[in-house]
């Protein structure tokens, strides 16, 4: 006999068949199962081996679920066997906070200006993150928006949300089709040799050894391509640089910036040396900001969404400290093609 579970954590062993609820409609398979206790790496392993199925068919980990689908999960040991605690309850302070981050909302698409230090999704010992706070942006039916993509915890800037599953799928297709033009602003340690250029270097995430959990340039990696344009320099010590990632690899801009000999200021993971700025009063943060997104609106392809996230105060303060002009004009940023 098969057991069917509509919500809560699955049992410790045996095959489970879990039905996707209305509230879960549009969520990514790997993230959805993560909330139910299935370790992230196991979801991907089960998908590769064909053991994890949706309505009897093989499934990819990044597929978005549809209400009523039957997800078959093979036996596993959950990372957390405690009972499901029910819907997230936010304080008024949290609700006000997530609403304060909204810079665009047309009823279908929402854009947040995510601060540095706030994770997009939860993880080990991660109590506060955007995904948890989305309850504060729920519609009149109590359905919260869907995450469409993610930003690193320490990267600030534009983060897109979709009001419903259909829009989430449409936006996801736009990102996959490379219809989304992304511009980031960063401050580098050192100055690039060229004022404009591109970096093509394959990236590989290491899982063992000295570089465990870091992304490195390696022939074993996936193709990665980043355009850059130097906006200003402070002698040979630092540069204000605009980046345009043409692919979407993990830590791509951070690693590519370090690869050209100019790690981002504040990026201790990839080579930043604070001693070089010991005499300058810089606020501590990773100096990378997702500044602009341009894409055709999925509901009207003739309409171009041009979204800009104001550069946060701590970033601006450091720009001033380094002598950079903080009044950046998006249309003045050009990338050599």
Protein backbone atom coordinates (compact mmCIF):
# COMPACT_ATOMS: atom_id res chain seq x y z
CA UNK A 1 0.00 0.00 0.00
CA UNK A 2 1.27 3.49 -0.84
CA UNK A 3 1.07 6.36 1.62
CA UNK A 4 0.13 9.84 0.40
CA UNK A 5 1.20 12.98 2.26
CA UNK A 6 -0.20 16.42 1.45
CA UNK A 7 2.01 18.34 3.86
CA UNK A 8 4.51 17.92 6.67
CA UNK A 9 7.68 15.84 6.72
CA UNK A 10 7.70 12.35 5.15
CA UNK A 11 8.50 9.32 7.33
CA UNK A 12 12.02 8.09 7.94
CA UNK A 13 11.99 5.23 5.42
CA UNK A 14 10.04 3.66 2.56
CA UNK A 15 8.77 5.12 -0.72
CA UNK A 16 6.64 8.25 -0.37
CA UNK A 17 4.11 9.70 -2.79
CA UNK A 18 3.55 13.38 -2.02
CA UNK A 19 0.78 15.42 -3.61
CA UNK A 20 1.58 19.04 -4.52
CA UNK A 21 -0.83 21.44 -2.79
CA UNK A 22 -2.22 24.73 -4.11
CA UNK A 23 0.14 26.71 -1.86
CA UNK A 24 3.11 24.76 -3.24
CA UNK A 25 2.22 25.32 -6.89
CA UNK A 26 5.18 26.69 -8.90
CA UNK A 27 7.92 25.81 -6.41
CA UNK A 28 11.15 24.21 -7.64
CA UNK A 29 11.33 20.49 -6.95
CA UNK A 30 14.68 20.58 -5.11
CA UNK A 31 13.66 23.50 -2.88
CA UNK A 32 10.23 22.02 -2.20
CA UNK A 33 11.68 18.69 -1.07
CA UNK A 34 14.37 20.49 0.94
CA UNK A 35 11.62 22.04 3.05
CA UNK A 36 10.28 18.53 3.66
CA UNK A 37 13.58 17.21 4.95
CA UNK A 38 15.17 15.70 1.85
CA UNK A 39 18.84 16.77 1.63
CA UNK A 40 19.60 18.90 -1.43
CA UNK A 41 22.32 16.58 -2.75
CA UNK A 42 19.99 13.58 -2.49
CA UNK A 43 17.31 15.28 -4.59
CA UNK A 44 19.85 15.79 -7.37
CA UNK A 45 21.21 12.26 -6.97
CA UNK A 46 17.71 10.75 -7.18
CA UNK A 47 16.93 12.85 -10.26
CA UNK A 48 20.13 11.74 -12.03
CA UNK A 49 19.38 8.08 -11.28
CA UNK A 50 15.72 8.36 -12.28
CA UNK A 51 14.45 7.29 -8.86
CA UNK A 52 12.58 10.55 -8.23
CA UNK A 53 9.51 10.81 -10.44
CA UNK A 54 6.59 13.14 -11.05
CA UNK A 55 3.38 11.45 -12.18
CA UNK A 56 5.48 8.41 -13.06
CA UNK A 57 7.97 10.30 -15.25
CA UNK A 58 11.63 11.17 -14.61
CA UNK A 59 12.12 14.67 -13.25
CA UNK A 60 14.82 17.32 -13.18
CA UNK A 61 15.71 18.97 -9.88
CA UNK A 62 14.93 22.49 -11.13
CA UNK A 63 11.49 21.69 -12.57
CA UNK A 64 8.61 23.75 -11.17
CA UNK A 65 5.77 21.82 -9.63
CA UNK A 66 2.08 22.01 -10.52
CA UNK A 67 -0.77 21.62 -8.05
CA UNK A 68 -2.05 18.04 -7.91
CA UNK A 69 1.10 16.36 -9.21
CA UNK A 70 2.22 13.15 -7.49
CA UNK A 71 5.91 13.21 -6.54
CA UNK A 72 7.43 9.79 -5.84
CA UNK A 73 10.38 9.97 -3.42
CA UNK A 74 12.56 6.88 -2.84
CA UNK A 75 13.64 5.86 0.69
CA UNK A 76 16.00 8.28 2.45
CA UNK A 77 16.96 9.59 5.88
CA UNK A 78 15.57 13.13 6.40
CA UNK A 79 17.89 15.81 7.67
CA UNK A 80 15.20 16.82 10.17
CA UNK A 81 12.53 14.42 11.43
CA UNK A 82 10.78 16.91 13.71
CA UNK A 83 7.09 17.59 12.98
CA UNK A 84 6.14 20.28 10.51
CA UNK A 85 5.55 23.54 12.37
CA UNK A 86 2.98 24.94 9.98
CA UNK A 87 2.98 28.31 8.21
CA UNK A 88 5.69 30.85 8.96
CA UNK A 89 4.52 33.56 11.34
CA UNK A 90 6.15 36.94 10.87
CA UNK A 91 6.34 39.78 13.32
CA UNK A 92 5.08 43.21 12.27
CA UNK A 93 8.71 44.31 12.18
CA UNK A 94 9.57 41.55 9.68
CA UNK A 95 6.53 42.37 7.55
CA UNK A 96 7.49 46.03 7.45
CA UNK A 97 11.08 45.10 6.62
CA UNK A 98 10.31 42.91 3.59
CA UNK A 99 7.86 45.53 2.28
CA UNK A 100 10.56 48.20 2.61
CA UNK A 101 12.74 46.24 0.17
CA UNK A 102 10.18 46.38 -2.67
CA UNK A 103 11.25 48.71 -5.48
CA UNK A 104 8.79 47.51 -8.14
CA UNK A 105 5.41 45.73 -8.14
CA UNK A 106 3.07 45.59 -11.14
CA UNK A 107 0.82 42.89 -9.69
CA UNK A 108 2.64 40.15 -11.58
CA UNK A 109 6.33 40.83 -10.99
CA UNK A 110 7.96 42.16 -7.83
CA UNK A 111 11.53 43.43 -7.56
CA UNK A 112 13.36 43.70 -4.25
CA UNK A 113 16.55 45.61 -3.47
CA UNK A 114 18.11 42.88 -1.32
CA UNK A 115 20.68 44.10 1.21
CA UNK A 116 24.10 42.54 1.65
CA UNK A 117 24.05 39.97 4.46
CA UNK A 118 20.50 38.71 3.84
CA UNK A 119 20.40 35.24 2.28
CA UNK A 120 17.96 34.49 -0.52
CA UNK A 121 17.08 31.08 0.93
CA UNK A 122 17.59 29.24 4.19
CA UNK A 123 20.39 26.83 5.07
CA UNK A 124 22.17 25.41 8.07
CA UNK A 125 21.71 27.75 11.05
CA UNK A 126 20.13 30.33 8.73
CA UNK A 127 17.18 31.82 10.63
CA UNK A 128 16.49 34.89 8.49
CA UNK A 129 16.28 34.88 4.69
CA UNK A 130 14.17 36.30 1.88
CA UNK A 131 12.25 33.07 1.30
CA UNK A 132 11.02 33.10 4.92
CA UNK A 133 10.00 36.76 4.71
CA UNK A 134 7.92 36.35 1.54
CA UNK A 135 4.87 35.57 3.67
CA UNK A 136 4.86 39.32 4.35
CA UNK A 137 4.17 39.93 0.64
CA UNK A 138 1.36 37.37 0.32
CA UNK A 139 -1.70 38.30 -1.75
CA UNK A 140 -5.27 38.53 -0.47
CA UNK A 141 -5.60 34.73 -0.71
CA UNK A 142 -2.52 34.23 1.45
CA UNK A 143 -0.36 32.98 -1.45
CA UNK A 144 3.18 34.29 -1.18
CA UNK A 145 5.30 35.29 -4.21
CA UNK A 146 7.71 32.87 -5.86
CA UNK A 147 11.48 33.29 -5.98
CA UNK A 148 12.62 33.39 -9.60
CA UNK A 149 16.41 33.44 -9.14
CA UNK A 150 18.86 34.07 -6.33
CA UNK A 151 21.69 36.34 -5.21
CA UNK A 152 24.60 35.39 -2.96
CA UNK A 153 24.01 36.29 0.67
CA UNK A 154 26.65 39.04 0.62
CA UNK A 155 25.67 40.48 -2.78
CA UNK A 156 23.10 43.29 -2.68
CA UNK A 157 20.70 44.36 -5.40
CA UNK A 158 17.78 43.36 -7.60
CA UNK A 159 15.98 40.13 -6.81
CA UNK A 160 12.92 39.21 -8.89
CA UNK A 161 9.77 37.54 -7.55
CA UNK A 162 6.66 36.34 -9.37
CA UNK A 163 3.13 36.72 -8.02
CA UNK A 164 2.02 33.34 -9.39
CA UNK A 165 3.40 30.07 -10.71
CA UNK A 166 2.69 30.91 -14.35
CA UNK A 167 4.73 34.11 -14.16
CA UNK A 168 7.49 32.28 -12.27
CA UNK A 169 7.76 29.75 -15.11
CA UNK A 170 7.75 32.54 -17.73
CA UNK A 171 10.49 34.46 -15.97
CA UNK A 172 12.47 31.27 -15.48
CA UNK A 173 12.34 30.70 -19.23
CA UNK A 174 13.55 34.27 -19.82
CA UNK A 175 16.61 33.67 -17.64
CA UNK A 176 17.34 30.34 -19.37
CA UNK A 177 16.91 31.90 -22.81
CA UNK A 178 19.33 34.69 -21.82
CA UNK A 179 16.69 37.34 -22.46
CA UNK A 180 17.69 39.04 -19.20
CA UNK A 181 20.43 41.68 -19.36
CA UNK A 182 22.14 41.99 -15.97
CA UNK A 183 24.47 44.77 -14.83
CA UNK A 184 26.42 44.62 -11.58
CA UNK A 185 28.55 47.31 -9.95
CA UNK A 186 31.68 46.23 -8.07
CA UNK A 187 34.76 47.76 -6.48
CA UNK A 188 37.94 45.82 -7.12
CA UNK A 189 41.25 45.61 -5.30
CA UNK A 190 43.66 46.79 -7.96
CA UNK A 191 42.86 48.03 -11.46
CA UNK A 192 42.22 45.80 -14.50
CA UNK A 193 44.81 46.07 -17.29
CA UNK A 194 42.08 46.90 -19.81
CA UNK A 195 39.37 49.53 -19.39
CA UNK A 196 36.88 47.28 -21.17
CA UNK A 197 36.96 43.63 -21.99
CA UNK A 198 35.62 40.16 -21.39
CA UNK A 199 36.59 37.14 -19.35
CA UNK A 200 35.98 33.65 -20.68
CA UNK A 201 37.10 31.11 -18.11
CA UNK A 202 35.30 27.84 -17.21
CA UNK A 203 34.19 27.54 -13.59
CA UNK A 204 34.12 24.45 -11.41
CA UNK A 205 32.81 24.09 -7.86
CA UNK A 206 35.18 22.01 -5.78
CA UNK A 207 33.89 19.54 -3.19
CA UNK A 208 37.11 18.20 -1.67
CA UNK A 209 40.65 19.28 -0.81
CA UNK A 210 42.10 22.70 -0.02
CA UNK A 211 39.59 24.55 -2.19
CA UNK A 212 36.51 22.74 -0.81
CA UNK A 213 33.27 24.69 -1.36
CA UNK A 214 34.99 27.26 -3.56
CA UNK A 215 34.51 27.93 -7.25
CA UNK A 216 37.72 27.79 -9.28
CA UNK A 217 38.75 28.33 -12.88
CA UNK A 218 39.29 24.86 -14.29
CA UNK A 219 39.14 23.06 -17.62
CA UNK A 220 36.76 20.65 -15.86
CA UNK A 221 34.30 23.48 -15.29
CA UNK A 222 31.34 24.88 -17.18
CA UNK A 223 31.66 27.65 -19.76
CA UNK A 224 31.46 31.10 -18.15
CA UNK A 225 31.58 34.51 -19.81
CA UNK A 226 31.65 37.97 -18.18
CA UNK A 227 31.91 41.43 -19.78
CA UNK A 228 33.41 44.30 -17.79
CA UNK A 229 33.87 48.05 -18.06
CA UNK A 230 36.04 50.17 -15.74
CA UNK A 231 34.11 53.28 -14.70
CA UNK A 232 36.72 54.96 -12.46
CA UNK A 233 40.06 54.20 -10.85
CA UNK A 234 41.82 55.25 -7.65
CA UNK A 235 45.43 55.28 -8.78
CA UNK A 236 46.40 51.58 -9.03
CA UNK A 237 44.79 50.70 -5.76
CA UNK A 238 41.10 50.24 -6.63
CA UNK A 239 38.60 50.47 -9.46
CA UNK A 240 34.87 50.98 -9.82
CA UNK A 241 33.82 48.36 -12.36
CA UNK A 242 30.56 47.44 -14.12
CA UNK A 243 30.10 43.75 -14.87
CA UNK A 244 27.70 42.04 -17.26
CA UNK A 245 27.54 38.24 -16.77
CA UNK A 246 26.63 36.51 -20.04
CA UNK A 247 26.25 33.18 -18.23
CA UNK A 248 24.93 32.49 -14.76
CA UNK A 249 27.46 30.39 -12.86
CA UNK A 250 27.82 30.35 -9.08
CA UNK A 251 30.13 33.17 -7.86
CA UNK A 252 30.88 33.96 -11.52
CA UNK A 253 31.68 37.67 -11.19
CA UNK A 254 33.60 37.16 -7.96
CA UNK A 255 35.82 34.43 -9.42
CA UNK A 256 36.29 36.12 -12.79
CA UNK A 257 37.24 39.38 -11.10
CA UNK A 258 39.86 37.56 -9.02
CA UNK A 259 41.01 35.66 -12.12
CA UNK A 260 42.00 38.92 -13.84
CA UNK A 261 44.02 39.83 -10.75
CA UNK A 262 41.48 42.15 -9.16
CA UNK A 263 39.39 40.47 -6.46
CA UNK A 264 36.39 42.39 -5.18
CA UNK A 265 36.98 44.45 -2.05
CA UNK A 266 35.53 42.54 0.89
CA UNK A 267 35.67 39.16 -0.87
CA UNK A 268 37.89 37.25 1.55
CA UNK A 269 36.90 33.96 -0.10
CA UNK A 270 38.57 34.92 -3.37
CA UNK A 271 41.68 36.86 -2.47
CA UNK A 272 40.85 40.23 -0.92
CA UNK A 273 43.66 41.58 1.31
CA UNK A 274 42.39 44.16 3.85
CA UNK A 275 45.93 45.25 4.69
CA UNK A 276 46.08 47.16 1.42
CA UNK A 277 43.26 49.41 2.68
CA UNK A 278 44.25 49.58 6.34
CA UNK A 279 44.56 53.38 6.20
CA UNK A 280 41.11 53.85 4.67
CA UNK A 281 37.94 53.70 6.75
CA UNK A 282 35.91 51.25 4.64
CA UNK A 283 32.66 49.75 5.83
CA UNK A 284 32.83 45.96 5.85
CA UNK A 285 30.89 44.26 3.07
CA UNK A 286 31.32 42.47 -0.25
CA UNK A 287 31.45 45.20 -2.87
CA UNK A 288 29.14 43.70 -5.47
CA UNK A 289 25.69 45.09 -6.23
CA UNK A 290 23.13 43.77 -8.74
CA UNK A 291 22.34 47.20 -10.13
CA UNK A 292 20.16 46.73 -13.21
CA UNK A 293 17.94 44.15 -14.96
CA UNK A 294 16.46 44.60 -18.43
CA UNK A 295 14.08 42.04 -19.97
CA UNK A 296 10.91 41.78 -22.05
CA UNK A 297 7.87 41.60 -19.79
CA UNK A 298 6.50 38.03 -20.14
CA UNK A 299 2.92 39.38 -20.18
CA UNK A 300 3.75 41.82 -23.00
CA UNK A 301 6.95 41.10 -24.90
CA UNK A 302 6.87 44.56 -26.49
CA UNK A 303 7.28 46.15 -23.06
CA UNK A 304 10.85 46.23 -21.77
CA UNK A 305 11.23 46.12 -18.01
CA UNK A 306 14.19 48.28 -17.01
CA UNK A 307 14.70 47.90 -13.28
CA UNK A 308 17.40 49.62 -11.25
CA UNK A 309 18.24 49.05 -7.60
CA UNK A 310 19.66 52.13 -5.83
CA UNK A 311 23.18 51.51 -4.56
CA UNK A 312 22.98 50.98 -0.77
CA UNK A 313 24.29 53.51 1.71
CA UNK A 314 27.27 51.47 2.93
CA UNK A 315 28.42 50.89 -0.66
CA UNK A 316 27.99 54.61 -1.48
CA UNK A 317 29.93 55.58 1.65
CA UNK A 318 32.87 53.47 0.51
CA UNK A 319 32.67 54.90 -3.01
CA UNK A 320 33.02 58.37 -1.49
CA UNK A 321 35.85 57.20 0.77
CA UNK A 322 37.73 55.98 -2.30
CA UNK A 323 37.00 59.15 -4.24
CA UNK A 324 34.56 57.64 -6.75
CA UNK A 325 31.56 59.47 -8.20
CA UNK A 326 28.55 57.81 -6.59
CA UNK A 327 26.00 59.27 -9.05
CA UNK A 328 26.15 56.41 -11.54
CA UNK A 329 23.94 56.73 -14.62
CA UNK A 330 22.89 53.35 -15.98
CA UNK A 331 22.66 54.49 -19.61
CA UNK A 332 26.28 55.67 -19.51
CA UNK A 333 27.56 52.16 -18.81
CA UNK A 334 28.77 50.55 -22.03
CA UNK A 335 30.27 47.11 -22.60
CA UNK A 336 32.58 46.37 -25.49
CA UNK A 337 31.12 43.70 -27.79
